[in-house]
Amino acid sequence: MSQSLNKIFKIISIIILVFINISKGFSQEWNSARITVLYGTSIPFNFNSIDKIKKGIEITTGTHIGISMADSSQIGHDLEGFELNFRAFNGQTDIKGDVSALPLNKIRVKAENLLGLGSGFSNGYKNLSTDWVTLFTYSTDTWIDLNWASNQLNISYDCGKPESEGGSGSLMGEDPDYYNIEIEFELVPTGTGF
C-alpha cells in the first residue's frame, strides 16, 4: 500500500514541477507593463433633465489610472514609451439598454497627463468603437521606468454632446432606458523590438 502511495506522490511531484517550468518558459523576463485603476471604475451618466438630454454630460475627472512600465535592458527590445488604447469590451457593437440600444459613438473618451507624463500627447476626445483607438502616447529618448504612484493619466468621458459643440450628437429623441457599456483599456509598449 505504501509503495503505491510513493508512486502516486512521485507522479504528482513530477507534474507540479512540469507546470512550474512551463510557466517560467512563457513569462516575459525583459519588460513589464501594467495599468492600475486608482479612481473611477464605474462612470454613471444620469440624464435627469431636459437640459442634460439636449446638451449632454461631460465627466472630466472620470477615471484616474497609474502607469507602471519597466525595461530590464534585454538586447533588441529597447523600451521607448507606450500607447494607451481603448475600445468597447468584448466586441460589443452598441450601448445596450434593457429594451433599446444607442450607437457606441454617443460616448467619447479622452486621456490626459495627470502626473509625471507631461511630455506625452493626448489625442483629445475619441469616439468609442469596436476597434482599438489610441488616446494617449508617450515616448522619451532616455527611458526611466514608470511607477503608478508618480505616472498617472486622467480619463474624461462625455455622452450626448451636440455636434455643434464637437460631440457626437444629442440624445434628444432617444428612448429612455438604463444603458450600460464596458470599456477596455490597453497599454502597448513602443520602441525597438516591439
N, C-alpha and C. Protein backbone atom coordinates (compact mmCIF):
# COMPACT_ATOMS: atom_id res chain seq x y z
N MET A 1 0.83 -1.19 0.00
CA MET A 1 0.00 0.00 0.00
C MET A 1 0.86 1.25 0.00
N SER A 2 1.94 1.25 0.80
CA SER A 2 2.78 2.43 0.88
C SER A 2 3.59 2.62 -0.40
N GLN A 3 3.93 1.51 -1.13
CA GLN A 3 4.65 1.64 -2.40
C GLN A 3 3.78 2.34 -3.44
N SER A 4 2.49 2.03 -3.48
CA SER A 4 1.61 2.68 -4.45
C SER A 4 1.43 4.16 -4.10
N LEU A 5 1.41 4.49 -2.81
CA LEU A 5 1.32 5.90 -2.42
C LEU A 5 2.59 6.65 -2.80
N ASN A 6 3.75 6.01 -2.66
CA ASN A 6 5.01 6.63 -3.06
C ASN A 6 5.03 6.91 -4.56
N LYS A 7 4.54 5.97 -5.38
CA LYS A 7 4.49 6.16 -6.83
C LYS A 7 3.57 7.34 -7.18
N ILE A 8 2.41 7.39 -6.55
CA ILE A 8 1.47 8.49 -6.81
C ILE A 8 2.10 9.82 -6.42
N PHE A 9 2.77 9.86 -5.26
CA PHE A 9 3.41 11.09 -4.81
C PHE A 9 4.48 11.53 -5.80
N LYS A 10 5.29 10.59 -6.31
CA LYS A 10 6.33 10.92 -7.28
C LYS A 10 5.71 11.45 -8.57
N ILE A 11 4.63 10.85 -9.03
CA ILE A 11 3.96 11.31 -10.25
C ILE A 11 3.41 12.72 -10.04
N ILE A 12 2.77 12.95 -8.91
CA ILE A 12 2.23 14.28 -8.62
C ILE A 12 3.35 15.30 -8.53
N SER A 13 4.47 14.93 -7.90
CA SER A 13 5.60 15.85 -7.79
C SER A 13 6.14 16.21 -9.16
N ILE A 14 6.25 15.25 -10.03
CA ILE A 14 6.75 15.50 -11.38
C ILE A 14 5.80 16.42 -12.13
N ILE A 15 4.52 16.20 -12.04
CA ILE A 15 3.54 17.04 -12.73
C ILE A 15 3.64 18.48 -12.25
N ILE A 16 3.76 18.69 -10.96
CA ILE A 16 3.87 20.04 -10.42
C ILE A 16 5.13 20.73 -10.93
N LEU A 17 6.23 20.04 -10.96
CA LEU A 17 7.47 20.62 -11.47
C LEU A 17 7.36 20.98 -12.94
N VAL A 18 6.69 20.18 -13.72
CA VAL A 18 6.50 20.48 -15.15
C VAL A 18 5.70 21.77 -15.30
N PHE A 19 4.65 21.95 -14.55
CA PHE A 19 3.86 23.17 -14.65
C PHE A 19 4.66 24.39 -14.24
N ILE A 20 5.49 24.29 -13.24
CA ILE A 20 6.33 25.40 -12.82
C ILE A 20 7.30 25.77 -13.93
N ASN A 21 7.93 24.80 -14.53
CA ASN A 21 8.88 25.07 -15.61
C ASN A 21 8.20 25.64 -16.84
N ILE A 22 7.02 25.15 -17.16
CA ILE A 22 6.28 25.68 -18.31
C ILE A 22 5.94 27.14 -18.08
N SER A 23 5.48 27.48 -16.89
CA SER A 23 5.12 28.88 -16.63
C SER A 23 6.33 29.79 -16.73
N LYS A 24 7.51 29.33 -16.29
CA LYS A 24 8.71 30.14 -16.42
C LYS A 24 9.12 30.30 -17.87
N GLY A 25 8.89 29.29 -18.67
CA GLY A 25 9.26 29.34 -20.08
C GLY A 25 8.44 30.34 -20.87
N PHE A 26 7.22 30.61 -20.45
CA PHE A 26 6.36 31.50 -21.20
C PHE A 26 6.33 32.93 -20.66
N SER A 27 6.97 33.21 -19.55
CA SER A 27 6.91 34.56 -18.99
C SER A 27 7.86 35.50 -19.71
N GLN A 28 7.52 36.79 -19.72
CA GLN A 28 8.39 37.82 -20.30
C GLN A 28 9.34 38.30 -19.20
N GLU A 29 10.60 38.07 -19.41
CA GLU A 29 11.56 38.49 -18.40
C GLU A 29 12.18 39.84 -18.74
N TRP A 30 11.88 40.41 -19.89
CA TRP A 30 12.59 41.61 -20.31
C TRP A 30 11.79 42.90 -20.15
N ASN A 31 10.54 42.84 -19.80
CA ASN A 31 9.81 44.07 -19.52
C ASN A 31 8.52 43.77 -18.78
N SER A 32 7.90 44.81 -18.30
CA SER A 32 6.57 44.66 -17.71
C SER A 32 5.80 45.94 -17.93
N ALA A 33 4.49 45.81 -18.07
CA ALA A 33 3.60 46.95 -18.26
C ALA A 33 2.30 46.68 -17.53
N ARG A 34 1.83 47.68 -16.79
CA ARG A 34 0.61 47.48 -16.01
C ARG A 34 -0.17 48.78 -15.87
N ILE A 35 -1.49 48.67 -15.94
CA ILE A 35 -2.39 49.79 -15.66
C ILE A 35 -3.01 49.53 -14.30
N THR A 36 -2.97 50.54 -13.44
CA THR A 36 -3.59 50.45 -12.12
C THR A 36 -4.71 51.48 -12.06
N VAL A 37 -5.93 51.02 -11.83
CA VAL A 37 -7.06 51.94 -11.70
C VAL A 37 -7.07 52.48 -10.28
N LEU A 38 -6.88 53.80 -10.16
CA LEU A 38 -6.81 54.45 -8.86
C LEU A 38 -8.14 55.03 -8.41
N TYR A 39 -8.98 55.37 -9.39
CA TYR A 39 -10.24 56.04 -9.07
C TYR A 39 -11.17 55.92 -10.28
N GLY A 40 -12.44 55.70 -10.05
CA GLY A 40 -13.44 55.77 -11.10
C GLY A 40 -13.58 54.53 -11.96
N THR A 41 -14.00 53.43 -11.35
CA THR A 41 -14.20 52.21 -12.13
C THR A 41 -15.60 52.14 -12.74
N SER A 42 -16.54 52.90 -12.22
CA SER A 42 -17.90 52.93 -12.75
C SER A 42 -18.28 54.40 -12.95
N ILE A 43 -18.61 54.76 -14.18
CA ILE A 43 -18.90 56.15 -14.51
C ILE A 43 -20.38 56.28 -14.90
N PRO A 44 -21.21 56.84 -14.02
CA PRO A 44 -22.63 56.98 -14.35
C PRO A 44 -22.93 58.31 -15.04
N PHE A 45 -23.70 58.25 -16.10
CA PHE A 45 -24.27 59.45 -16.74
C PHE A 45 -25.74 59.43 -16.39
N ASN A 46 -26.18 60.41 -15.61
CA ASN A 46 -27.57 60.46 -15.20
C ASN A 46 -28.26 61.62 -15.92
N PHE A 47 -29.00 61.30 -16.98
CA PHE A 47 -29.72 62.31 -17.77
C PHE A 47 -31.08 62.52 -17.13
N ASN A 48 -31.12 63.35 -16.10
CA ASN A 48 -32.35 63.53 -15.32
C ASN A 48 -33.02 64.89 -15.56
N SER A 49 -32.65 65.57 -16.66
CA SER A 49 -33.32 66.82 -17.01
C SER A 49 -33.28 66.99 -18.52
N ILE A 50 -34.20 67.78 -19.05
CA ILE A 50 -34.23 68.06 -20.49
C ILE A 50 -32.95 68.76 -20.91
N ASP A 51 -32.43 69.65 -20.06
CA ASP A 51 -31.19 70.37 -20.37
C ASP A 51 -30.02 69.39 -20.58
N LYS A 52 -29.90 68.39 -19.71
CA LYS A 52 -28.82 67.40 -19.87
C LYS A 52 -29.02 66.55 -21.12
N ILE A 53 -30.26 66.24 -21.44
CA ILE A 53 -30.52 65.46 -22.65
C ILE A 53 -30.15 66.26 -23.89
N LYS A 54 -30.41 67.56 -23.89
CA LYS A 54 -30.07 68.41 -25.04
C LYS A 54 -28.58 68.69 -25.14
N LYS A 55 -27.94 69.00 -24.00
CA LYS A 55 -26.54 69.45 -24.02
C LYS A 55 -25.52 68.35 -23.74
N GLY A 56 -25.97 67.20 -23.27
CA GLY A 56 -25.05 66.12 -22.95
C GLY A 56 -24.38 66.32 -21.60
N ILE A 57 -23.56 65.37 -21.25
CA ILE A 57 -22.86 65.40 -19.97
C ILE A 57 -21.38 65.12 -20.22
N GLU A 58 -20.51 65.90 -19.57
CA GLU A 58 -19.08 65.66 -19.62
C GLU A 58 -18.59 65.40 -18.20
N ILE A 59 -17.85 64.32 -18.03
CA ILE A 59 -17.27 63.98 -16.73
C ILE A 59 -15.76 64.09 -16.89
N THR A 60 -15.21 65.20 -16.39
CA THR A 60 -13.79 65.49 -16.63
C THR A 60 -12.84 64.79 -15.67
N THR A 61 -13.32 64.38 -14.52
CA THR A 61 -12.49 63.63 -13.59
C THR A 61 -13.10 62.24 -13.42
N GLY A 62 -13.13 61.50 -14.51
CA GLY A 62 -13.81 60.20 -14.51
C GLY A 62 -12.99 59.09 -13.90
N THR A 63 -11.87 58.78 -14.51
CA THR A 63 -11.04 57.66 -14.06
C THR A 63 -9.59 58.12 -13.98
N HIS A 64 -8.94 57.81 -12.90
CA HIS A 64 -7.50 58.06 -12.76
C HIS A 64 -6.80 56.71 -12.84
N ILE A 65 -5.80 56.63 -13.74
CA ILE A 65 -5.05 55.39 -13.85
C ILE A 65 -3.56 55.66 -13.66
N GLY A 66 -2.88 54.71 -13.05
CA GLY A 66 -1.44 54.77 -12.91
C GLY A 66 -0.80 53.86 -13.94
N ILE A 67 0.33 54.29 -14.47
CA ILE A 67 1.05 53.52 -15.49
C ILE A 67 2.36 53.03 -14.88
N SER A 68 2.58 51.72 -14.92
CA SER A 68 3.84 51.12 -14.47
C SER A 68 4.46 50.40 -15.66
N MET A 69 5.71 50.73 -15.97
CA MET A 69 6.44 50.05 -17.04
C MET A 69 7.90 49.95 -16.65
N ALA A 70 8.48 48.77 -16.87
CA ALA A 70 9.89 48.56 -16.54
C ALA A 70 10.58 47.86 -17.70
N ASP A 71 11.80 48.28 -17.96
CA ASP A 71 12.63 47.70 -19.01
C ASP A 71 13.87 47.10 -18.36
N SER A 72 14.11 45.81 -18.59
CA SER A 72 15.28 45.18 -18.00
C SER A 72 16.47 45.19 -18.95
N SER A 73 16.40 46.01 -19.98
CA SER A 73 17.51 46.22 -20.92
C SER A 73 17.90 44.97 -21.69
N GLN A 74 16.94 44.13 -22.01
CA GLN A 74 17.20 42.96 -22.86
C GLN A 74 17.59 43.46 -24.24
N ILE A 75 18.67 42.97 -24.79
CA ILE A 75 19.17 43.42 -26.10
C ILE A 75 18.12 43.16 -27.16
N GLY A 76 17.89 44.17 -27.99
CA GLY A 76 16.92 44.06 -29.07
C GLY A 76 15.52 44.50 -28.71
N HIS A 77 15.28 44.82 -27.46
CA HIS A 77 13.97 45.28 -27.01
C HIS A 77 14.16 46.55 -26.20
N ASP A 78 14.28 47.67 -26.89
CA ASP A 78 14.52 48.95 -26.23
C ASP A 78 13.21 49.67 -26.01
N LEU A 79 12.78 49.74 -24.78
CA LEU A 79 11.53 50.40 -24.42
C LEU A 79 11.71 51.91 -24.53
N GLU A 80 10.83 52.54 -25.31
CA GLU A 80 10.90 54.00 -25.50
C GLU A 80 9.64 54.71 -25.04
N GLY A 81 8.56 53.99 -24.83
CA GLY A 81 7.32 54.64 -24.44
C GLY A 81 6.14 53.68 -24.49
N PHE A 82 4.94 54.27 -24.66
CA PHE A 82 3.73 53.46 -24.72
C PHE A 82 2.63 54.18 -25.46
N GLU A 83 1.61 53.41 -25.84
CA GLU A 83 0.34 53.94 -26.33
C GLU A 83 -0.74 53.42 -25.40
N LEU A 84 -1.70 54.27 -25.08
CA LEU A 84 -2.88 53.84 -24.33
C LEU A 84 -4.04 53.83 -25.31
N ASN A 85 -4.63 52.65 -25.51
CA ASN A 85 -5.75 52.47 -26.44
C ASN A 85 -7.00 52.10 -25.66
N PHE A 86 -8.15 52.24 -26.32
CA PHE A 86 -9.41 51.82 -25.70
C PHE A 86 -10.37 51.33 -26.76
N ARG A 87 -11.39 50.58 -26.33
CA ARG A 87 -12.46 50.10 -27.20
C ARG A 87 -13.61 49.58 -26.33
N ALA A 88 -14.72 49.28 -26.98
CA ALA A 88 -15.83 48.64 -26.28
C ALA A 88 -15.41 47.22 -25.94
N PHE A 89 -15.66 46.81 -24.73
CA PHE A 89 -15.22 45.50 -24.26
C PHE A 89 -15.95 44.36 -24.96
N ASN A 90 -15.21 43.33 -25.28
CA ASN A 90 -15.74 42.08 -25.79
C ASN A 90 -16.51 42.23 -27.11
N GLY A 91 -16.09 43.18 -27.93
CA GLY A 91 -16.70 43.36 -29.25
C GLY A 91 -18.13 43.86 -29.24
N GLN A 92 -18.55 44.47 -28.14
CA GLN A 92 -19.92 44.98 -28.05
C GLN A 92 -20.11 46.06 -29.10
N THR A 93 -21.16 45.96 -29.91
CA THR A 93 -21.35 46.86 -31.05
C THR A 93 -22.25 48.04 -30.77
N ASP A 94 -22.92 48.05 -29.64
CA ASP A 94 -23.74 49.20 -29.27
C ASP A 94 -23.85 49.28 -27.75
N ILE A 95 -24.42 50.40 -27.29
CA ILE A 95 -24.62 50.61 -25.86
C ILE A 95 -25.98 50.02 -25.54
N LYS A 96 -26.00 48.93 -24.82
CA LYS A 96 -27.24 48.18 -24.60
C LYS A 96 -28.03 48.73 -23.43
N GLY A 97 -29.34 48.84 -23.67
CA GLY A 97 -30.27 49.17 -22.61
C GLY A 97 -31.11 47.95 -22.29
N ASP A 98 -32.06 48.11 -21.37
CA ASP A 98 -32.95 46.99 -21.06
C ASP A 98 -33.81 46.64 -22.26
N VAL A 99 -34.19 47.66 -23.05
CA VAL A 99 -35.04 47.45 -24.22
C VAL A 99 -34.38 48.00 -25.49
N SER A 100 -33.82 49.17 -25.40
CA SER A 100 -33.28 49.87 -26.57
C SER A 100 -31.75 49.78 -26.61
N ALA A 101 -31.16 50.42 -27.64
CA ALA A 101 -29.70 50.48 -27.78
C ALA A 101 -29.31 51.82 -28.38
N LEU A 102 -28.11 52.27 -28.06
CA LEU A 102 -27.54 53.50 -28.62
C LEU A 102 -26.26 53.14 -29.38
N PRO A 103 -25.91 53.93 -30.40
CA PRO A 103 -24.63 53.68 -31.07
C PRO A 103 -23.45 53.96 -30.14
N LEU A 104 -22.37 53.23 -30.34
CA LEU A 104 -21.18 53.39 -29.48
C LEU A 104 -20.66 54.82 -29.49
N ASN A 105 -20.75 55.50 -30.63
CA ASN A 105 -20.13 56.83 -30.74
C ASN A 105 -20.84 57.90 -29.92
N LYS A 106 -21.89 57.56 -29.21
CA LYS A 106 -22.52 58.54 -28.31
C LYS A 106 -21.63 58.81 -27.10
N ILE A 107 -20.66 57.92 -26.84
CA ILE A 107 -19.70 58.12 -25.76
C ILE A 107 -18.35 58.42 -26.37
N ARG A 108 -17.71 59.46 -25.85
CA ARG A 108 -16.35 59.80 -26.26
C ARG A 108 -15.45 59.78 -25.03
N VAL A 109 -14.17 59.47 -25.26
CA VAL A 109 -13.21 59.30 -24.17
C VAL A 109 -11.94 60.07 -24.50
N LYS A 110 -11.31 60.64 -23.46
CA LYS A 110 -10.07 61.39 -23.63
C LYS A 110 -9.13 61.05 -22.47
N ALA A 111 -7.83 60.93 -22.77
CA ALA A 111 -6.82 60.70 -21.73
C ALA A 111 -5.84 61.87 -21.73
N GLU A 112 -5.52 62.38 -20.54
CA GLU A 112 -4.58 63.49 -20.39
C GLU A 112 -3.64 63.22 -19.22
N ASN A 113 -2.47 63.83 -19.29
CA ASN A 113 -1.50 63.71 -18.21
C ASN A 113 -2.09 64.25 -16.91
N LEU A 114 -1.94 63.48 -15.86
CA LEU A 114 -2.33 63.94 -14.53
C LEU A 114 -1.07 64.16 -13.68
N LEU A 115 -0.07 63.27 -13.88
CA LEU A 115 1.14 63.34 -13.08
C LEU A 115 2.28 62.61 -13.78
N GLY A 116 3.38 63.30 -14.03
CA GLY A 116 4.60 62.66 -14.48
C GLY A 116 4.71 62.28 -15.95
N LEU A 117 3.69 62.51 -16.75
CA LEU A 117 3.72 62.14 -18.17
C LEU A 117 3.49 63.37 -19.05
N GLY A 118 4.03 64.51 -18.62
CA GLY A 118 3.81 65.79 -19.29
C GLY A 118 4.30 65.86 -20.71
N SER A 119 5.29 65.07 -21.07
CA SER A 119 5.78 65.10 -22.45
C SER A 119 4.96 64.21 -23.37
N GLY A 120 3.95 63.55 -22.82
CA GLY A 120 3.07 62.70 -23.63
C GLY A 120 2.12 63.53 -24.46
N PHE A 121 1.40 62.85 -25.38
CA PHE A 121 0.48 63.53 -26.29
C PHE A 121 -0.91 62.93 -26.17
N SER A 122 -1.90 63.79 -25.88
CA SER A 122 -3.30 63.38 -25.84
C SER A 122 -3.92 63.58 -27.21
N ASN A 123 -4.66 62.60 -27.68
CA ASN A 123 -5.35 62.71 -28.96
C ASN A 123 -6.73 63.35 -28.82
N GLY A 124 -7.05 63.88 -27.66
CA GLY A 124 -8.34 64.52 -27.45
C GLY A 124 -9.45 63.50 -27.35
N TYR A 125 -10.68 63.98 -27.43
CA TYR A 125 -11.82 63.07 -27.35
C TYR A 125 -11.89 62.20 -28.58
N LYS A 126 -12.10 60.91 -28.37
CA LYS A 126 -12.25 59.93 -29.44
C LYS A 126 -13.53 59.15 -29.19
N ASN A 127 -14.23 58.82 -30.29
CA ASN A 127 -15.46 58.04 -30.19
C ASN A 127 -15.17 56.61 -29.76
N LEU A 128 -16.02 56.08 -28.91
CA LEU A 128 -15.96 54.68 -28.54
C LEU A 128 -16.31 53.84 -29.77
N SER A 129 -15.56 52.77 -30.00
CA SER A 129 -15.82 51.89 -31.15
C SER A 129 -15.43 50.46 -30.79
N THR A 130 -15.63 49.55 -31.74
CA THR A 130 -15.23 48.16 -31.54
C THR A 130 -13.74 47.96 -31.82
N ASP A 131 -13.11 48.90 -32.52
CA ASP A 131 -11.69 48.82 -32.83
C ASP A 131 -10.88 49.56 -31.77
N TRP A 132 -9.61 49.16 -31.63
CA TRP A 132 -8.72 49.87 -30.71
C TRP A 132 -8.47 51.28 -31.24
N VAL A 133 -8.60 52.27 -30.38
CA VAL A 133 -8.37 53.68 -30.72
C VAL A 133 -7.34 54.22 -29.75
N THR A 134 -6.32 54.92 -30.27
CA THR A 134 -5.27 55.46 -29.41
C THR A 134 -5.73 56.76 -28.76
N LEU A 135 -5.60 56.82 -27.43
CA LEU A 135 -5.97 58.00 -26.65
C LEU A 135 -4.76 58.85 -26.28
N PHE A 136 -3.65 58.20 -25.95
CA PHE A 136 -2.50 58.91 -25.40
C PHE A 136 -1.24 58.17 -25.82
N THR A 137 -0.20 58.95 -26.18
CA THR A 137 1.10 58.36 -26.50
C THR A 137 2.17 59.05 -25.66
N TYR A 138 3.16 58.28 -25.30
CA TYR A 138 4.27 58.80 -24.50
C TYR A 138 5.55 58.17 -25.03
N SER A 139 6.58 59.01 -25.24
CA SER A 139 7.89 58.45 -25.60
C SER A 139 8.98 59.38 -25.07
N THR A 140 10.15 58.79 -24.90
CA THR A 140 11.30 59.53 -24.40
C THR A 140 12.57 58.92 -24.98
N ASP A 141 13.60 59.75 -25.15
CA ASP A 141 14.88 59.26 -25.68
C ASP A 141 15.69 58.54 -24.60
N THR A 142 15.49 58.93 -23.36
CA THR A 142 16.21 58.29 -22.24
C THR A 142 15.19 57.66 -21.31
N TRP A 143 15.00 56.37 -21.47
CA TRP A 143 13.95 55.67 -20.72
C TRP A 143 14.26 55.60 -19.23
N ILE A 144 13.27 55.94 -18.42
CA ILE A 144 13.30 55.75 -16.97
C ILE A 144 12.03 54.99 -16.63
N ASP A 145 12.13 53.91 -15.87
CA ASP A 145 10.96 53.09 -15.54
C ASP A 145 9.86 53.95 -14.93
N LEU A 146 8.62 53.62 -15.28
CA LEU A 146 7.45 54.35 -14.79
C LEU A 146 6.84 53.60 -13.62
N ASN A 147 6.28 54.37 -12.68
CA ASN A 147 5.66 53.81 -11.50
C ASN A 147 4.27 54.41 -11.36
N TRP A 148 3.28 53.58 -11.05
CA TRP A 148 1.89 54.03 -10.97
C TRP A 148 1.68 55.21 -10.02
N ALA A 149 2.49 55.32 -8.98
CA ALA A 149 2.32 56.39 -7.99
C ALA A 149 2.76 57.75 -8.52
N SER A 150 3.68 57.76 -9.48
CA SER A 150 4.19 59.04 -9.97
C SER A 150 3.96 59.25 -11.47
N ASN A 151 3.27 58.34 -12.14
CA ASN A 151 2.96 58.46 -13.57
C ASN A 151 1.49 58.10 -13.76
N GLN A 152 0.66 59.15 -13.89
CA GLN A 152 -0.79 58.94 -13.90
C GLN A 152 -1.46 59.70 -15.03
N LEU A 153 -2.58 59.11 -15.50
CA LEU A 153 -3.42 59.74 -16.52
C LEU A 153 -4.82 59.93 -15.96
N ASN A 154 -5.48 60.98 -16.44
CA ASN A 154 -6.88 61.23 -16.14
C ASN A 154 -7.69 60.89 -17.38
N ILE A 155 -8.74 60.10 -17.21
CA ILE A 155 -9.62 59.73 -18.32
C ILE A 155 -10.93 60.51 -18.15
N SER A 156 -11.27 61.29 -19.18
CA SER A 156 -12.53 62.06 -19.19
C SER A 156 -13.50 61.40 -20.16
N TYR A 157 -14.78 61.59 -19.91
CA TYR A 157 -15.83 60.99 -20.73
C TYR A 157 -16.87 62.06 -21.06
N ASP A 158 -17.47 61.95 -22.23
CA ASP A 158 -18.68 62.73 -22.49
C ASP A 158 -19.68 61.86 -23.23
N CYS A 159 -20.95 62.21 -23.07
CA CYS A 159 -22.02 61.45 -23.69
C CYS A 159 -23.13 62.41 -24.09
N GLY A 160 -23.57 62.29 -25.33
CA GLY A 160 -24.72 63.05 -25.80
C GLY A 160 -24.46 64.52 -26.05
N LYS A 161 -23.20 64.93 -26.24
CA LYS A 161 -22.92 66.34 -26.54
C LYS A 161 -23.33 66.63 -27.99
N PRO A 162 -23.95 67.78 -28.24
CA PRO A 162 -24.37 68.12 -29.60
C PRO A 162 -23.16 68.24 -30.54
N GLU A 163 -23.39 67.98 -31.81
CA GLU A 163 -22.33 68.09 -32.82
C GLU A 163 -21.81 69.52 -32.90
N SER A 164 -22.68 70.52 -32.66
CA SER A 164 -22.26 71.92 -32.70
C SER A 164 -21.21 72.24 -31.64
N GLU A 165 -21.12 71.41 -30.59
CA GLU A 165 -20.11 71.59 -29.54
C GLU A 165 -19.00 70.56 -29.65
N GLY A 166 -18.87 69.93 -30.81
CA GLY A 166 -17.80 68.96 -31.05
C GLY A 166 -18.13 67.54 -30.64
N GLY A 167 -19.34 67.31 -30.17
CA GLY A 167 -19.74 65.97 -29.73
C GLY A 167 -20.24 65.11 -30.87
N SER A 168 -20.81 63.97 -30.51
CA SER A 168 -21.31 63.02 -31.50
C SER A 168 -22.81 63.08 -31.66
N GLY A 169 -23.45 64.04 -31.05
CA GLY A 169 -24.89 64.20 -31.22
C GLY A 169 -25.65 64.06 -29.91
N SER A 170 -26.67 64.88 -29.79
CA SER A 170 -27.53 64.92 -28.61
C SER A 170 -28.33 63.63 -28.47
N LEU A 171 -28.84 63.39 -27.28
CA LEU A 171 -29.69 62.22 -27.03
C LEU A 171 -31.18 62.55 -27.16
N MET A 172 -31.50 63.75 -27.65
CA MET A 172 -32.91 64.11 -27.88
C MET A 172 -33.52 63.11 -28.85
N GLY A 173 -34.67 62.59 -28.50
CA GLY A 173 -35.36 61.64 -29.35
C GLY A 173 -35.00 60.18 -29.10
N GLU A 174 -33.98 59.94 -28.29
CA GLU A 174 -33.61 58.55 -27.97
C GLU A 174 -34.56 58.00 -26.90
N ASP A 175 -34.76 56.70 -26.92
CA ASP A 175 -35.65 56.06 -25.95
C ASP A 175 -35.06 56.11 -24.56
N PRO A 176 -35.87 56.48 -23.55
CA PRO A 176 -35.37 56.43 -22.17
C PRO A 176 -35.13 54.97 -21.77
N ASP A 177 -34.02 54.72 -21.14
CA ASP A 177 -33.66 53.36 -20.75
C ASP A 177 -32.48 53.43 -19.79
N TYR A 178 -32.09 52.29 -19.25
CA TYR A 178 -30.88 52.19 -18.43
C TYR A 178 -29.84 51.51 -19.31
N TYR A 179 -28.93 52.30 -19.87
CA TYR A 179 -27.93 51.80 -20.80
C TYR A 179 -26.64 51.47 -20.05
N ASN A 180 -25.92 50.48 -20.58
CA ASN A 180 -24.69 50.04 -19.91
C ASN A 180 -23.68 49.59 -20.96
N ILE A 181 -22.41 49.97 -20.76
CA ILE A 181 -21.33 49.54 -21.65
C ILE A 181 -20.06 49.40 -20.82
N GLU A 182 -19.24 48.41 -21.16
CA GLU A 182 -17.94 48.26 -20.53
C GLU A 182 -16.88 48.72 -21.51
N ILE A 183 -15.89 49.44 -21.00
CA ILE A 183 -14.81 49.96 -21.84
C ILE A 183 -13.51 49.29 -21.40
N GLU A 184 -12.71 48.92 -22.38
CA GLU A 184 -11.45 48.22 -22.13
C GLU A 184 -10.28 49.12 -22.53
N PHE A 185 -9.25 49.18 -21.69
CA PHE A 185 -8.04 49.95 -21.97
C PHE A 185 -6.87 48.99 -22.19
N GLU A 186 -5.97 49.38 -23.08
CA GLU A 186 -4.81 48.56 -23.43
C GLU A 186 -3.55 49.43 -23.39
N LEU A 187 -2.53 48.94 -22.71
CA LEU A 187 -1.25 49.62 -22.63
C LEU A 187 -0.27 48.88 -23.54
N VAL A 188 0.22 49.57 -24.59
CA VAL A 188 1.07 48.94 -25.59
C VAL A 188 2.46 49.56 -25.53
N PRO A 189 3.50 48.78 -25.16
CA PRO A 189 4.87 49.32 -25.17
C PRO A 189 5.31 49.68 -26.58
N THR A 190 6.12 50.72 -26.71
CA THR A 190 6.67 51.13 -28.01
C THR A 190 8.19 51.22 -27.92
N GLY A 191 8.82 51.02 -29.04
CA GLY A 191 10.27 51.08 -29.12
C GLY A 191 10.80 49.96 -30.01
N THR A 192 12.09 49.86 -30.14
CA THR A 192 12.73 48.85 -30.96
C THR A 192 12.41 47.45 -30.40
N GLY A 193 11.95 46.57 -31.25
CA GLY A 193 11.66 45.19 -30.83
C GLY A 193 10.25 44.96 -30.39
N PHE A 194 9.40 45.98 -30.42
CA PHE A 194 8.01 45.80 -30.02
C PHE A 194 7.10 45.84 -31.22
